[in-house]
PDB file of N, CA and C in Angstrom:
ATOM      1  N   MET A   1     103.748  39.565  79.381  1.00  0.00           N
ATOM      2  CA  MET A   1     103.268  40.865  78.956  1.00  0.00           C
ATOM      3  C   MET A   1     102.397  41.487  80.046  1.00  0.00           C
ATOM      4  N   ALA A   2     102.501  42.800  80.157  1.00  0.00           N
ATOM      5  CA  ALA A   2     101.703  43.508  81.151  1.00  0.00           C
ATOM      6  C   ALA A   2     100.314  43.771  80.611  1.00  0.00           C
ATOM      7  N   LYS A   3      99.354  43.685  81.514  1.00  0.00           N
ATOM      8  CA  LYS A   3      97.969  43.973  81.129  1.00  0.00           C
ATOM      9  C   LYS A   3      97.624  45.376  81.604  1.00  0.00           C
ATOM     10  N   PHE A   4      96.909  46.081  80.805  1.00  0.00           N
ATOM     11  CA  PHE A   4      96.496  47.436  81.147  1.00  0.00           C
ATOM     12  C   PHE A   4      94.983  47.498  81.203  1.00  0.00           C
ATOM     13  N   GLY A   5      94.470  48.281  82.095  1.00  0.00           N
ATOM     14  CA  GLY A   5      93.027  48.456  82.197  1.00  0.00           C
ATOM     15  C   GLY A   5      92.716  49.884  82.589  1.00  0.00           C
ATOM     16  N   LEU A   6      91.467  50.204  82.596  1.00  0.00           N
ATOM     17  CA  LEU A   6      91.036  51.546  82.973  1.00  0.00           C
ATOM     18  C   LEU A   6      91.063  51.681  84.486  1.00  0.00           C
ATOM     19  N   LEU A   7      91.476  52.821  84.940  1.00  0.00           N
ATOM     20  CA  LEU A   7      91.480  53.090  86.368  1.00  0.00           C
ATOM     21  C   LEU A   7      90.172  53.765  86.746  1.00  0.00           C
ATOM     22  N   VAL A   8      89.179  52.948  86.979  1.00  0.00           N
ATOM     23  CA  VAL A   8      87.859  53.451  87.340  1.00  0.00           C
ATOM     24  C   VAL A   8      87.544  52.940  88.738  1.00  0.00           C
ATOM     25  N   PRO A   9      87.240  53.842  89.692  1.00  0.00           N
ATOM     26  CA  PRO A   9      86.933  53.380  91.038  1.00  0.00           C
ATOM     27  C   PRO A   9      85.663  52.526  91.052  1.00  0.00           C
ATOM     28  N   ASP A  10      85.712  51.462  91.821  1.00  0.00           N
ATOM     29  CA  ASP A  10      84.522  50.633  91.930  1.00  0.00           C
ATOM     30  C   ASP A  10      83.524  51.290  92.881  1.00  0.00           C
ATOM     31  N   LYS A  11      82.367  50.686  93.035  1.00  0.00           N
ATOM     32  CA  LYS A  11      81.296  51.264  93.835  1.00  0.00           C
ATOM     33  C   LYS A  11      81.714  51.405  95.302  1.00  0.00           C
ATOM     34  N   GLN A  12      82.393  50.396  95.866  1.00  0.00           N
ATOM     35  CA  GLN A  12      82.809  50.463  97.259  1.00  0.00           C
ATOM     36  C   GLN A  12      83.803  51.600  97.483  1.00  0.00           C
ATOM     37  N   HIS A  13      84.714  51.761  96.556  1.00  0.00           N
ATOM     38  CA  HIS A  13      85.691  52.843  96.669  1.00  0.00           C
ATOM     39  C   HIS A  13      84.989  54.196  96.641  1.00  0.00           C
ATOM     40  N   ALA A  14      84.039  54.355  95.763  1.00  0.00           N
ATOM     41  CA  ALA A  14      83.300  55.615  95.664  1.00  0.00           C
ATOM     42  C   ALA A  14      82.542  55.897  96.961  1.00  0.00           C
ATOM     43  N   GLU A  15      81.968  54.858  97.580  1.00  0.00           N
ATOM     44  CA  GLU A  15      81.243  55.047  98.833  1.00  0.00           C
ATOM     45  C   GLU A  15      82.193  55.457  99.960  1.00  0.00           C
ATOM     46  N   ARG A  16      83.394  54.880  99.987  1.00  0.00           N
ATOM     47  CA  ARG A  16      84.371  55.263 101.009  1.00  0.00           C
ATOM     48  C   ARG A  16      84.793  56.711 100.832  1.00  0.00           C
ATOM     49  N   LEU A  17      84.953  57.152  99.604  1.00  0.00           N
ATOM     50  CA  LEU A  17      85.344  58.538  99.355  1.00  0.00           C
ATOM     51  C   LEU A  17      84.287  59.510  99.856  1.00  0.00           C
ATOM     52  N   GLU A  18      83.022  59.122  99.753  1.00  0.00           N
ATOM     53  CA  GLU A  18      81.944  59.997 100.211  1.00  0.00           C
ATOM     54  C   GLU A  18      81.963  60.174 101.721  1.00  0.00           C
ATOM     55  N   THR A  19      82.365  59.137 102.451  1.00  0.00           N
ATOM     56  CA  THR A  19      82.318  59.218 103.908  1.00  0.00           C
ATOM     57  C   THR A  19      83.611  59.734 104.519  1.00  0.00           C
ATOM     58  N   MET A  20      84.673  59.822 103.761  1.00  0.00           N
ATOM     59  CA  MET A  20      85.949  60.287 104.313  1.00  0.00           C
ATOM     60  C   MET A  20      85.914  61.788 104.562  1.00  0.00           C
ATOM     61  N   ASN A  21      86.581  62.203 105.615  1.00  0.00           N
ATOM     62  CA  ASN A  21      86.773  63.612 105.957  1.00  0.00           C
ATOM     63  C   ASN A  21      85.491  64.373 106.254  1.00  0.00           C
ATOM     64  N   LYS A  22      84.442  63.670 106.614  1.00  0.00           N
ATOM     65  CA  LYS A  22      83.233  64.374 107.033  1.00  0.00           C
ATOM     66  C   LYS A  22      83.353  64.678 108.516  1.00  0.00           C
ATOM     67  N   PRO A  23      82.862  65.840 108.942  1.00  0.00           N
ATOM     68  CA  PRO A  23      82.946  66.162 110.371  1.00  0.00           C
ATOM     69  C   PRO A  23      82.090  65.198 111.188  1.00  0.00           C
ATOM     70  N   SER A  24      82.542  64.945 112.400  1.00  0.00           N
ATOM     71  CA  SER A  24      81.815  64.063 113.299  1.00  0.00           C
ATOM     72  C   SER A  24      80.502  64.714 113.692  1.00  0.00           C
ATOM     73  N   LYS A  25      79.464  63.905 113.780  1.00  0.00           N
ATOM     74  CA  LYS A  25      78.162  64.431 114.186  1.00  0.00           C
ATOM     75  C   LYS A  25      78.097  64.602 115.699  1.00  0.00           C
ATOM     76  N   ASP A  26      79.042  63.990 116.422  1.00  0.00           N
ATOM     77  CA  ASP A  26      79.017  64.037 117.883  1.00  0.00           C
ATOM     78  C   ASP A  26      79.471  65.388 118.436  1.00  0.00           C
ATOM     79  N   ALA A  27      80.511  65.969 117.857  1.00  0.00           N
ATOM     80  CA  ALA A  27      81.076  67.209 118.387  1.00  0.00           C
ATOM     81  C   ALA A  27      80.759  68.377 117.461  1.00  0.00           C
ATOM     82  N   PRO A  28      80.192  69.449 118.004  1.00  0.00           N
ATOM     83  CA  PRO A  28      79.958  70.637 117.167  1.00  0.00           C
ATOM     84  C   PRO A  28      81.282  71.235 116.700  1.00  0.00           C
ATOM     85  N   LEU A  29      81.257  71.897 115.569  1.00  0.00           N
ATOM     86  CA  LEU A  29      82.478  72.449 114.992  1.00  0.00           C
ATOM     87  C   LEU A  29      83.041  73.611 115.793  1.00  0.00           C
ATOM     88  N   HIS A  30      82.219  74.320 116.535  1.00  0.00           N
ATOM     89  CA  HIS A  30      82.681  75.518 117.228  1.00  0.00           C
ATOM     90  C   HIS A  30      83.333  75.227 118.577  1.00  0.00           C
ATOM     91  N   GLU A  31      83.339  73.986 119.026  1.00  0.00           N
ATOM     92  CA  GLU A  31      83.951  73.667 120.311  1.00  0.00           C
ATOM     93  C   GLU A  31      85.368  73.157 120.117  1.00  0.00           C
ATOM     94  N   MET A  32      86.235  73.499 121.074  1.00  0.00           N
ATOM     95  CA  MET A  32      87.615  73.023 121.041  1.00  0.00           C
ATOM     96  C   MET A  32      87.689  71.638 121.673  1.00  0.00           C
ATOM     97  N   ALA A  33      88.677  70.905 121.253  1.00  0.00           N
ATOM     98  CA  ALA A  33      88.930  69.600 121.846  1.00  0.00           C
ATOM     99  C   ALA A  33      89.387  69.788 123.290  1.00  0.00           C
ATOM    100  N   PRO A  34      89.125  68.818 124.170  1.00  0.00           N
ATOM    101  CA  PRO A  34      89.463  68.965 125.590  1.00  0.00           C
ATOM    102  C   PRO A  34      90.944  69.207 125.859  1.00  0.00           C
ATOM    103  N   GLU A  35      91.828  68.708 125.003  1.00  0.00           N
ATOM    104  CA  GLU A  35      93.257  68.908 125.255  1.00  0.00           C
ATOM    105  C   GLU A  35      93.696  70.355 125.044  1.00  0.00           C
ATOM    106  N   TYR A  36      92.836  71.192 124.480  1.00  0.00           N
ATOM    107  CA  TYR A  36      93.153  72.609 124.298  1.00  0.00           C
ATOM    108  C   TYR A  36      92.416  73.442 125.353  1.00  0.00           C
ATOM    109  N   ASP A  37      92.682  73.165 126.599  1.00  0.00           N
ATOM    110  CA  ASP A  37      92.010  73.848 127.699  1.00  0.00           C
ATOM    111  C   ASP A  37      92.854  75.040 128.135  1.00  0.00           C
ATOM    112  N   PHE A  38      92.368  76.255 127.871  1.00  0.00           N
ATOM    113  CA  PHE A  38      93.100  77.471 128.205  1.00  0.00           C
ATOM    114  C   PHE A  38      92.460  78.203 129.386  1.00  0.00           C
ATOM    115  N   THR A  39      91.655  77.507 130.185  1.00  0.00           N
ATOM    116  CA  THR A  39      90.960  78.181 131.284  1.00  0.00           C
ATOM    117  C   THR A  39      91.928  78.693 132.345  1.00  0.00           C
ATOM    118  N   LYS A  40      93.100  78.071 132.477  1.00  0.00           N
ATOM    119  CA  LYS A  40      94.076  78.531 133.465  1.00  0.00           C
ATOM    120  C   LYS A  40      95.173  79.376 132.827  1.00  0.00           C
ATOM    121  N   GLY A  41      94.996  79.730 131.574  1.00  0.00           N
ATOM    122  CA  GLY A  41      95.990  80.531 130.873  1.00  0.00           C
ATOM    123  C   GLY A  41      95.974  81.981 131.323  1.00  0.00           C
ATOM    124  N   VAL A  42      97.087  82.646 131.125  1.00  0.00           N
ATOM    125  CA  VAL A  42      97.218  84.052 131.501  1.00  0.00           C
ATOM    126  C   VAL A  42      97.478  84.846 130.225  1.00  0.00           C
ATOM    127  N   ARG A  43      96.605  85.773 129.931  1.00  0.00           N
ATOM    128  CA  ARG A  43      96.747  86.585 128.730  1.00  0.00           C
ATOM    129  C   ARG A  43      97.912  87.551 128.889  1.00  0.00           C
ATOM    130  N   GLY A  44      98.775  87.586 127.877  1.00  0.00           N
ATOM    131  CA  GLY A  44      99.895  88.524 127.880  1.00  0.00           C
ATOM    132  C   GLY A  44     101.010  88.174 128.849  1.00  0.00           C
ATOM    133  N   LYS A  45     101.120  86.923 129.240  1.00  0.00           N
ATOM    134  CA  LYS A  45     102.107  86.520 130.237  1.00  0.00           C
ATOM    135  C   LYS A  45     103.534  86.868 129.821  1.00  0.00           C
ATOM    136  N   TYR A  46     103.845  86.724 128.542  1.00  0.00           N
ATOM    137  CA  TYR A  46     105.205  86.981 128.067  1.00  0.00           C
ATOM    138  C   TYR A  46     105.286  88.210 127.158  1.00  0.00           C
ATOM    139  N   SER A  47     104.252  89.013 127.102  1.00  0.00           N
ATOM    140  CA  SER A  47     104.246  90.160 126.195  1.00  0.00           C
ATOM    141  C   SER A  47     105.306  91.198 126.569  1.00  0.00           C
ATOM    142  N   HIS A  48     105.596  91.342 127.839  1.00  0.00           N
ATOM    143  CA  HIS A  48     106.613  92.329 128.249  1.00  0.00           C
ATOM    144  C   HIS A  48     107.992  91.945 127.727  1.00  0.00           C
ATOM    145  N   ARG A  49     108.288  90.640 127.673  1.00  0.00           N
ATOM    146  CA  ARG A  49     109.578  90.203 127.121  1.00  0.00           C
ATOM    147  C   ARG A  49     109.678  90.556 125.648  1.00  0.00           C
ATOM    148  N   TYR A  50     108.578  90.363 124.946  1.00  0.00           N
ATOM    149  CA  TYR A  50     108.576  90.691 123.515  1.00  0.00           C
ATOM    150  C   TYR A  50     108.732  92.193 123.315  1.00  0.00           C
ATOM    151  N   ALA A  51     108.032  92.974 124.110  1.00  0.00           N
ATOM    152  CA  ALA A  51     108.073  94.427 123.966  1.00  0.00           C
ATOM    153  C   ALA A  51     109.453  94.992 124.270  1.00  0.00           C
ATOM    154  N   GLU A  52     110.197  94.363 125.179  1.00  0.00           N
ATOM    155  CA  GLU A  52     111.533  94.854 125.516  1.00  0.00           C
ATOM    156  C   GLU A  52     112.497  94.773 124.340  1.00  0.00           C
ATOM    157  N   GLY A  53     112.316  93.775 123.490  1.00  0.00           N
ATOM    158  CA  GLY A  53     113.235  93.586 122.371  1.00  0.00           C
ATOM    159  C   GLY A  53     112.698  94.089 121.053  1.00  0.00           C
ATOM    160  N   SER A  54     111.584  94.787 121.066  1.00  0.00           N
ATOM    161  CA  SER A  54     110.970  95.229 119.814  1.00  0.00           C
ATOM    162  C   SER A  54     110.576  96.695 119.888  1.00  0.00           C
ATOM    163  N   ASN A  55     110.700  97.361 118.763  1.00  0.00           N
ATOM    164  CA  ASN A  55     110.172  98.713 118.601  1.00  0.00           C
ATOM    165  C   ASN A  55     109.181  98.651 117.454  1.00  0.00           C
ATOM    166  N   ILE A  56     107.923  98.707 117.775  1.00  0.00           N
ATOM    167  CA  ILE A  56     106.885  98.610 116.759  1.00  0.00           C
ATOM    168  C   ILE A  56     106.424 100.007 116.403  1.00  0.00           C
ATOM    169  N   VAL A  57     106.444 100.303 115.112  1.00  0.00           N
ATOM    170  CA  VAL A  57     106.005 101.595 114.608  1.00  0.00           C
ATOM    171  C   VAL A  57     104.920 101.339 113.578  1.00  0.00           C
ATOM    172  N   VAL A  58     103.806 102.029 113.727  1.00  0.00           N
ATOM    173  CA  VAL A  58     102.711 101.895 112.776  1.00  0.00           C
ATOM    174  C   VAL A  58     102.790 103.056 111.797  1.00  0.00           C
ATOM    175  N   LEU A  59     102.934 102.718 110.525  1.00  0.00           N
ATOM    176  CA  LEU A  59     103.038 103.756 109.495  1.00  0.00           C
ATOM    177  C   LEU A  59     101.649 104.178 109.033  1.00  0.00           C
ATOM    178  N   PRO A  60     101.455 105.458 108.763  1.00  0.00           N
ATOM    179  CA  PRO A  60     100.187 105.900 108.199  1.00  0.00           C
ATOM    180  C   PRO A  60     100.060 105.397 106.759  1.00  0.00           C
ATOM    181  N   PRO A  61      98.836 105.276 106.271  1.00  0.00           N
ATOM    182  CA  PRO A  61      98.608 104.703 104.940  1.00  0.00           C
ATOM    183  C   PRO A  61      99.367 105.398 103.813  1.00  0.00           C
ATOM    184  N   ASP A  62      99.562 106.707 103.903  1.00  0.00           N
ATOM    185  CA  ASP A  62     100.280 107.384 102.821  1.00  0.00           C
ATOM    186  C   ASP A  62     101.750 106.985 102.772  1.00  0.00           C
ATOM    187  N   LEU A  63     102.360 106.645 103.901  1.00  0.00           N
ATOM    188  CA  LEU A  63     103.739 106.191 103.917  1.00  0.00           C
ATOM    189  C   LEU A  63     103.882 104.715 103.541  1.00  0.00           C
ATOM    190  N   VAL A  64     102.849 103.945 103.804  1.00  0.00           N
ATOM    191  CA  VAL A  64     102.890 102.521 103.448  1.00  0.00           C
ATOM    192  C   VAL A  64     103.019 102.351 101.937  1.00  0.00           C
ATOM    193  N   LYS A  65     102.481 103.299 101.198  1.00  0.00           N
ATOM    194  CA  LYS A  65     102.617 103.255  99.730  1.00  0.00           C
ATOM    195  C   LYS A  65     104.085 103.350  99.318  1.00  0.00           C
ATOM    196  N   HIS A  66     104.861 104.127 100.057  1.00  0.00           N
ATOM    197  CA  HIS A  66     106.278 104.330  99.736  1.00  0.00           C
ATOM    198  C   HIS A  66     107.187 103.286 100.386  1.00  0.00           C
ATOM    199  N   PHE A  67     106.754 102.747 101.521  1.00  0.00           N
ATOM    200  CA  PHE A  67     107.553 101.764 102.261  1.00  0.00           C
ATOM    201  C   PHE A  67     106.689 100.534 102.549  1.00  0.00           C
ATOM    202  N   PRO A  68     106.499  99.664 101.556  1.00  0.00           N
ATOM    203  CA  PRO A  68     105.577  98.538 101.732  1.00  0.00           C
ATOM    204  C   PRO A  68     106.122  97.395 102.590  1.00  0.00           C
ATOM    205  N   THR A  69     107.436  97.334 102.787  1.00  0.00           N
ATOM    206  CA  THR A  69     108.015  96.247 103.573  1.00  0.00           C
ATOM    207  C   THR A  69     108.890  96.811 104.677  1.00  0.00           C
ATOM    208  N   SER A  70     109.144  95.995 105.671  1.00  0.00           N
ATOM    209  CA  SER A  70     110.027  96.446 106.754  1.00  0.00           C
ATOM    210  C   SER A  70     111.443  96.664 106.229  1.00  0.00           C
ATOM    211  N   ALA A  71     111.850  95.906 105.229  1.00  0.00           N
ATOM    212  CA  ALA A  71     113.191  96.082 104.655  1.00  0.00           C
ATOM    213  C   ALA A  71     113.326  97.468 104.026  1.00  0.00           C
ATOM    214  N   SER A  72     112.280  97.942 103.360  1.00  0.00           N
ATOM    215  CA  SER A  72     112.358  99.271 102.743  1.00  0.00           C
ATOM    216  C   SER A  72     112.423 100.370 103.807  1.00  0.00           C
ATOM    217  N   VAL A  73     111.736 100.178 104.912  1.00  0.00           N
ATOM    218  CA  VAL A  73     111.801 101.144 106.014  1.00  0.00           C
ATOM    219  C   VAL A  73     113.200 101.136 106.617  1.00  0.00           C
ATOM    220  N   HIS A  74     113.757  99.942 106.834  1.00  0.00           N
ATOM    221  CA  HIS A  74     115.107  99.848 107.411  1.00  0.00           C
ATOM    222  C   HIS A  74     116.143 100.523 106.525  1.00  0.00           C
ATOM    223  N   GLU A  75     116.036 100.308 105.237  1.00  0.00           N
ATOM    224  CA  GLU A  75     116.995 100.914 104.299  1.00  0.00           C
ATOM    225  C   GLU A  75     116.917 102.441 104.365  1.00  0.00           C
ATOM    226  N   ALA A  76     115.704 102.980 104.368  1.00  0.00           N
ATOM    227  CA  ALA A  76     115.540 104.432 104.416  1.00  0.00           C
ATOM    228  C   ALA A  76     116.065 105.003 105.730  1.00  0.00           C
ATOM    229  N   LEU A  77     115.799 104.328 106.826  1.00  0.00           N
ATOM    230  CA  LEU A  77     116.280 104.811 108.122  1.00  0.00           C
ATOM    231  C   LEU A  77     117.799 104.769 108.206  1.00  0.00           C
ATOM    232  N   ARG A  78     118.403 103.748 107.624  1.00  0.00           N
ATOM    233  CA  ARG A  78     119.871 103.665 107.629  1.00  0.00           C
ATOM    234  C   ARG A  78     120.485 104.798 106.799  1.00  0.00           C
ATOM    235  N   GLN A  79     119.853 105.147 105.700  1.00  0.00           N
ATOM    236  CA  GLN A  79     120.351 106.251 104.861  1.00  0.00           C
ATOM    237  C   GLN A  79     120.271 107.570 105.637  1.00  0.00           C
ATOM    238  N   VAL A  80     119.162 107.774 106.323  1.00  0.00           N
ATOM    239  CA  VAL A  80     119.003 109.000 107.124  1.00  0.00           C
ATOM    240  C   VAL A  80     120.031 109.013 108.254  1.00  0.00           C
ATOM    241  N   ALA A  81     120.249 107.886 108.869  1.00  0.00           N
ATOM    242  CA  ALA A  81     121.191 107.812 109.998  1.00  0.00           C
ATOM    243  C   ALA A  81     122.615 108.115 109.531  1.00  0.00           C
ATOM    244  N   THR A  82     123.002 107.649 108.352  1.00  0.00           N
ATOM    245  CA  THR A  82     124.363 107.910 107.879  1.00  0.00           C
ATOM    246  C   THR A  82     124.512 109.360 107.429  1.00  0.00           C
ATOM    247  N   GLN A  83     123.459 109.984 106.929  1.00  0.00           N
ATOM    248  CA  GLN A  83     123.519 111.393 106.546  1.00  0.00           C
ATOM    249  C   GLN A  83     123.676 112.285 107.756  1.00  0.00           C
ATOM    250  N   ASP A  84     123.082 111.882 108.864  1.00  0.00           N
ATOM    251  CA  ASP A  84     123.174 112.683 110.097  1.00  0.00           C
ATOM    252  C   ASP A  84     124.484 112.436 110.828  1.00  0.00           C
ATOM    253  N   GLY A  85     125.287 111.515 110.346  1.00  0.00           N
ATOM    254  CA  GLY A  85     126.562 111.228 110.995  1.00  0.00           C
ATOM    255  C   GLY A  85     126.400 110.387 112.248  1.00  0.00           C
ATOM    256  N   ALA A  86     125.326 109.703 112.347  1.00  0.00           N
ATOM    257  CA  ALA A  86     125.079 108.885 113.539  1.00  0.00           C
ATOM    258  C   ALA A  86     125.835 107.586 113.506  1.00  0.00           C
TER     259      ALA A  86
END
Protein backbone atom coordinates (compact mmCIF):
# COMPACT_ATOMS: atom_id res chain seq x y z
CA MET A 1 0.00 0.00 0.00
CA ALA A 2 1.13 3.52 -0.75
CA LYS A 3 1.69 5.94 2.08
CA PHE A 4 0.53 9.51 1.78
CA GLY A 5 1.74 12.49 3.72
CA LEU A 6 1.52 16.25 3.69
CA LEU A 7 3.75 18.10 1.31
CA VAL A 8 5.21 20.62 3.69
CA PRO A 9 8.68 22.02 2.99
CA ASP A 10 11.15 21.39 5.76
CA LYS A 11 13.23 24.16 7.33
CA GLN A 12 16.27 23.57 5.08
CA HIS A 13 14.13 23.72 1.96
CA ALA A 14 12.56 26.98 3.11
CA GLU A 15 16.02 28.47 3.74
CA ARG A 16 17.18 27.49 0.25
CA LEU A 17 14.12 29.13 -1.28
CA GLU A 18 14.96 32.38 0.50
CA THR A 19 18.47 32.50 -0.96
CA MET A 20 17.61 31.46 -4.51
CA ASN A 21 17.46 34.07 -7.27
CA LYS A 22 18.82 36.90 -5.17
CA PRO A 23 21.05 39.33 -7.04
CA SER A 24 24.76 39.04 -6.40
CA LYS A 25 26.14 41.56 -3.96
CA ASP A 26 29.39 41.73 -5.97
CA ALA A 27 28.04 43.25 -9.20
CA PRO A 28 25.73 46.28 -9.28
CA LEU A 29 22.52 45.78 -11.22
CA HIS A 30 23.13 48.68 -13.60
CA GLU A 31 26.37 47.30 -15.07
CA MET A 32 26.52 44.96 -18.05
CA ALA A 33 28.42 41.72 -17.97
CA PRO A 34 31.87 41.88 -19.63
CA GLU A 35 30.80 39.67 -22.54
CA TYR A 36 28.40 42.42 -23.66
CA ASP A 37 31.10 44.91 -24.63
CA PHE A 38 29.77 47.32 -27.27
CA THR A 39 32.62 49.85 -27.08
CA LYS A 40 33.74 48.97 -30.63
CA GLY A 41 30.20 48.85 -32.00
CA VAL A 42 28.99 51.13 -34.75
CA ARG A 43 25.57 52.69 -34.35
CA GLY A 44 23.33 52.29 -37.39
CA LYS A 45 25.80 50.08 -39.26
CA TYR A 46 23.04 48.19 -41.09
CA SER A 47 20.24 50.77 -40.93
CA HIS A 48 20.62 51.72 -44.60
CA ARG A 49 19.92 48.11 -45.64
CA TYR A 50 16.75 48.12 -43.59
CA ALA A 51 15.65 51.49 -44.97
CA GLU A 52 16.11 50.32 -48.57
CA GLY A 53 13.53 47.57 -48.14
CA SER A 54 11.05 49.47 -45.99
CA ASN A 55 8.66 52.37 -46.35
CA ILE A 56 7.77 53.62 -42.91
CA VAL A 57 4.79 55.92 -42.62
CA VAL A 58 3.74 57.50 -39.35
CA LEU A 59 -0.01 57.96 -39.09
CA PRO A 60 -1.47 60.90 -37.19
CA PRO A 61 -3.49 59.98 -34.09
CA ASP A 62 -6.85 60.65 -35.74
CA LEU A 63 -6.10 58.09 -38.47
CA VAL A 64 -4.77 55.51 -36.01
CA LYS A 65 -8.29 55.29 -34.62
CA HIS A 66 -9.51 54.14 -38.04
CA PHE A 67 -6.46 52.04 -38.98
CA PRO A 68 -5.13 50.43 -35.79
CA THR A 69 -3.04 47.74 -37.51
CA SER A 70 -0.75 47.61 -40.50
CA ALA A 71 -3.11 45.04 -42.06
CA SER A 72 -5.98 47.54 -41.99
CA VAL A 73 -3.79 50.18 -43.66
CA HIS A 74 -2.69 47.69 -46.34
CA GLU A 75 -6.28 46.70 -47.07
CA ALA A 76 -7.38 50.33 -47.46
CA LEU A 77 -4.44 51.17 -49.71
CA ARG A 78 -5.13 48.16 -51.92
CA GLN A 79 -8.77 49.25 -52.31
CA VAL A 80 -7.68 52.75 -53.31
CA ALA A 81 -5.10 51.34 -55.72
CA THR A 82 -7.67 49.13 -57.48
CA GLN A 83 -10.15 52.03 -57.76
CA ASP A 84 -7.51 54.15 -59.46
CA GLY A 85 -6.81 51.36 -61.93
CA ALA A 86 -3.26 50.97 -60.75
